[in-house]
């Protein structure tokens, strides 16, 4: 009898890969181990993901989407910043996986005009849209401010995950991060050139 395709297999493979990463990090992510954990065979994994790099890209795109859902639930730009930090702290393994392999989503460098950051980082694009709604202009006018906000919340999240601040000062760092986000939003003019156009709108 002919085989019937399993519509849930790709999701099971990604779930298995995510669990393996949580248990043992990069060394556990072999195609054979993922197949075993997903309850299938190695050829079936290769049919859906041509190699380990493709599997990792599938994982980090899934994490990117999950983070995007958390950001959307933030309602305001301040809420989105808070949601970003919360996601990182509640999902430290996924956060680590994403930033270990984030370069896999970057477009290849080539001649000509640089691609907009939002093309490979849709969550940056989401922030650009919210900035445009709040401050006017087009989404592409707000690239640098979106990057400044990302750098701020990622820096704070990374420090908290690495336990790089003295014990007991974690909330102080989070308060400082909130204050930095507020200051950036209040001084959006710092990201505007003298001609009135926003910088970084590639």
Protein backbone atom coordinates (compact mmCIF):
# COMPACT_ATOMS: atom_id res chain seq x y z
CA UNK A 1 0.00 0.00 0.00
CA UNK A 2 1.24 3.51 -0.74
CA UNK A 3 2.35 5.60 2.21
CA UNK A 4 0.10 8.43 3.32
CA UNK A 5 1.95 11.65 4.12
CA UNK A 6 2.02 12.58 7.79
CA UNK A 7 0.89 16.23 8.02
CA UNK A 8 2.18 16.51 11.59
CA UNK A 9 5.63 15.08 10.97
CA UNK A 10 7.41 18.37 10.29
CA UNK A 11 6.03 19.84 13.51
CA UNK A 12 7.06 16.69 15.43
CA UNK A 13 10.57 16.93 14.02
CA UNK A 14 10.90 20.56 15.08
CA UNK A 15 9.46 19.77 18.51
CA UNK A 16 11.96 16.95 18.93
CA UNK A 17 14.87 19.15 17.82
CA UNK A 18 13.81 21.84 20.27
CA UNK A 19 13.65 19.36 23.15
CA UNK A 20 17.07 17.94 22.26
CA UNK A 21 18.59 21.43 22.21
CA UNK A 22 17.15 22.10 25.66
CA UNK A 23 18.65 18.88 26.99
CA UNK A 24 22.12 19.07 25.56
CA UNK A 25 22.63 22.03 23.26
CA UNK A 26 24.30 21.93 19.86
CA UNK A 27 25.95 18.52 20.21
CA UNK A 28 22.57 16.78 20.49
CA UNK A 29 21.21 18.14 17.20
CA UNK A 30 22.09 15.26 14.88
CA UNK A 31 19.60 14.18 12.23
CA UNK A 32 19.59 10.64 13.62
CA UNK A 33 18.87 11.80 17.18
CA UNK A 34 16.11 14.10 15.97
CA UNK A 35 14.53 11.29 13.95
CA UNK A 36 14.58 8.97 16.94
CA UNK A 37 13.09 11.62 19.24
CA UNK A 38 10.38 12.43 16.67
CA UNK A 39 9.41 8.75 16.34
CA UNK A 40 10.43 8.49 12.70
CA UNK A 41 13.48 7.53 10.64
CA UNK A 42 16.41 9.57 9.38
CA UNK A 43 15.35 9.52 5.68
CA UNK A 44 11.98 11.03 6.68
CA UNK A 45 13.78 13.89 8.41
CA UNK A 46 15.95 14.46 5.34
CA UNK A 47 12.85 14.56 3.12
CA UNK A 48 11.60 17.56 5.08
CA UNK A 49 14.94 19.19 5.90
CA UNK A 50 17.70 18.63 3.36
CA UNK A 51 20.44 18.96 5.99
CA UNK A 52 21.14 20.03 9.55
CA UNK A 53 21.37 23.70 8.54
CA UNK A 54 17.86 23.56 7.07
CA UNK A 55 16.59 21.99 10.28
CA UNK A 56 18.21 24.74 12.35
CA UNK A 57 16.69 27.40 10.08
CA UNK A 58 13.29 25.82 10.63
CA UNK A 59 13.82 25.99 14.38
CA UNK A 60 14.93 29.61 14.47
CA UNK A 61 12.09 30.70 12.18
CA UNK A 62 9.68 29.03 14.59
CA UNK A 63 11.28 30.87 17.53
CA UNK A 64 11.13 34.12 15.56
CA UNK A 65 7.39 33.58 15.03
CA UNK A 66 6.82 32.75 18.71
CA UNK A 67 8.63 35.92 19.76
CA UNK A 68 6.57 37.90 17.24
CA UNK A 69 3.37 36.62 18.84
CA UNK A 70 4.63 37.75 22.26
CA UNK A 71 5.51 41.17 20.88
CA UNK A 72 2.07 41.60 19.32
CA UNK A 73 0.50 40.86 22.70
CA UNK A 74 2.48 43.78 24.15
CA UNK A 75 -0.04 46.31 22.71
CA UNK A 76 2.27 49.35 23.05
CA UNK A 77 5.93 49.86 22.19
CA UNK A 78 6.75 49.85 25.88
CA UNK A 79 4.73 46.66 26.26
CA UNK A 80 6.53 45.08 23.32
CA UNK A 81 9.89 45.86 24.93
CA UNK A 82 8.72 44.25 28.16
CA UNK A 83 7.37 41.24 26.26
CA UNK A 84 10.74 40.78 24.55
CA UNK A 85 12.62 40.58 27.85
CA UNK A 86 9.98 38.28 29.34
CA UNK A 87 10.19 35.91 26.38
CA UNK A 88 13.96 35.65 26.72
CA UNK A 89 13.80 34.98 30.46
CA UNK A 90 11.01 32.42 30.17
CA UNK A 91 12.53 30.64 27.16
CA UNK A 92 16.29 30.83 27.73
CA UNK A 93 17.11 27.78 25.59
CA UNK A 94 15.14 29.07 22.62
CA UNK A 95 16.66 32.52 23.04
CA UNK A 96 20.15 31.03 23.08
CA UNK A 97 19.38 28.84 20.06
CA UNK A 98 18.11 31.81 18.08
CA UNK A 99 21.12 34.01 18.70
CA UNK A 100 23.57 31.14 18.25
CA UNK A 101 22.26 30.59 14.72
CA UNK A 102 20.60 33.93 13.84
CA UNK A 103 23.18 34.46 11.09
CA UNK A 104 21.50 31.58 9.21
CA UNK A 105 18.60 33.90 8.40
CA UNK A 106 20.77 36.70 7.06
CA UNK A 107 20.74 37.32 3.30
CA UNK A 108 23.96 36.71 1.43
CA UNK A 109 26.00 39.82 0.77
CA UNK A 110 26.13 40.86 -2.83
CA UNK A 111 26.59 43.88 -5.06
CA UNK A 112 24.03 46.63 -5.09
CA UNK A 113 21.72 48.11 -2.51
CA UNK A 114 21.61 46.58 0.96
CA UNK A 115 18.43 44.71 1.81
CA UNK A 116 16.22 46.23 4.49
CA UNK A 117 16.75 44.65 7.90
CA UNK A 118 13.04 43.86 8.17
CA UNK A 119 13.42 41.35 5.32
CA UNK A 120 15.33 38.95 7.56
CA UNK A 121 14.08 40.30 10.90
CA UNK A 122 10.28 40.66 10.60
CA UNK A 123 10.02 41.55 14.29
CA UNK A 124 12.14 44.65 13.62
CA UNK A 125 9.66 45.45 10.85
CA UNK A 126 6.81 45.07 13.33
CA UNK A 127 8.45 47.62 15.62
CA UNK A 128 9.01 49.98 12.67
CA UNK A 129 5.29 49.83 11.89
CA UNK A 130 4.35 50.62 15.49
CA UNK A 131 6.81 53.53 15.54
CA UNK A 132 5.26 54.91 12.35
CA UNK A 133 1.78 54.67 13.86
CA UNK A 134 2.94 56.52 16.95
CA UNK A 135 5.24 59.12 15.40
CA UNK A 136 4.16 59.46 11.80
CA UNK A 137 6.02 58.82 8.60
CA UNK A 138 6.52 55.43 7.01
CA UNK A 139 7.78 52.29 8.71
CA UNK A 140 11.09 52.53 6.84
CA UNK A 141 11.69 55.97 8.39
CA UNK A 142 12.20 54.35 11.79
CA UNK A 143 14.85 51.68 11.18
CA UNK A 144 17.53 53.20 13.40
CA UNK A 145 15.19 53.79 16.30
CA UNK A 146 13.88 50.22 15.97
CA UNK A 147 17.48 48.98 16.05
CA UNK A 148 18.27 51.09 19.10
CA UNK A 149 15.27 49.61 20.93
CA UNK A 150 16.30 46.08 19.89
CA UNK A 151 19.88 46.65 21.06
CA UNK A 152 18.59 47.92 24.41
CA UNK A 153 16.23 45.04 25.20
CA UNK A 154 18.57 42.38 23.81
CA UNK A 155 21.44 43.74 25.87
CA UNK A 156 19.40 43.67 29.07
CA UNK A 157 18.02 40.20 28.32
CA UNK A 158 21.47 38.80 27.57
CA UNK A 159 22.91 40.25 30.77
CA UNK A 160 20.09 38.78 32.83
CA UNK A 161 20.42 35.35 31.22
CA UNK A 162 24.18 35.36 31.71
CA UNK A 163 23.72 36.44 35.34
CA UNK A 164 26.14 39.24 34.56
CA UNK A 165 24.73 41.62 37.17
CA UNK A 166 25.34 41.19 40.91
CA UNK A 167 22.71 39.09 42.65
CA UNK A 168 19.81 41.21 43.83
CA UNK A 169 20.28 43.86 41.12
CA UNK A 170 18.23 42.11 38.43
CA UNK A 171 15.15 44.27 38.92
CA UNK A 172 17.31 47.38 38.94
CA UNK A 173 18.62 46.41 35.50
CA UNK A 174 15.10 45.80 34.23
CA UNK A 175 14.02 49.19 35.57
CA UNK A 176 16.99 50.79 33.82
CA UNK A 177 16.04 49.00 30.60
CA UNK A 178 12.48 50.34 30.83
CA UNK A 179 13.83 53.85 31.44
CA UNK A 180 16.14 53.53 28.42
CA UNK A 181 13.26 52.43 26.19
CA UNK A 182 11.15 55.36 27.41
CA UNK A 183 14.01 57.80 26.81
CA UNK A 184 14.58 56.50 23.27
CA UNK A 185 10.89 56.87 22.45
CA UNK A 186 10.76 60.36 23.92
CA UNK A 187 13.87 61.48 22.01
CA UNK A 188 13.07 60.05 18.62
CA UNK A 189 14.38 63.35 17.22
CA UNK A 190 17.89 62.05 17.89
CA UNK A 191 17.30 59.67 15.00
CA UNK A 192 16.21 62.43 12.60
CA UNK A 193 18.58 64.26 10.28
CA UNK A 194 18.61 68.03 9.79
CA UNK A 195 16.49 67.79 6.66
CA UNK A 196 13.63 66.29 8.61
CA UNK A 197 13.88 62.78 7.19
CA UNK A 198 14.43 59.81 9.46
CA UNK A 199 17.75 58.02 9.14
CA UNK A 200 18.29 54.42 8.22
CA UNK A 201 15.18 53.99 6.09
CA UNK A 202 16.67 51.58 3.59
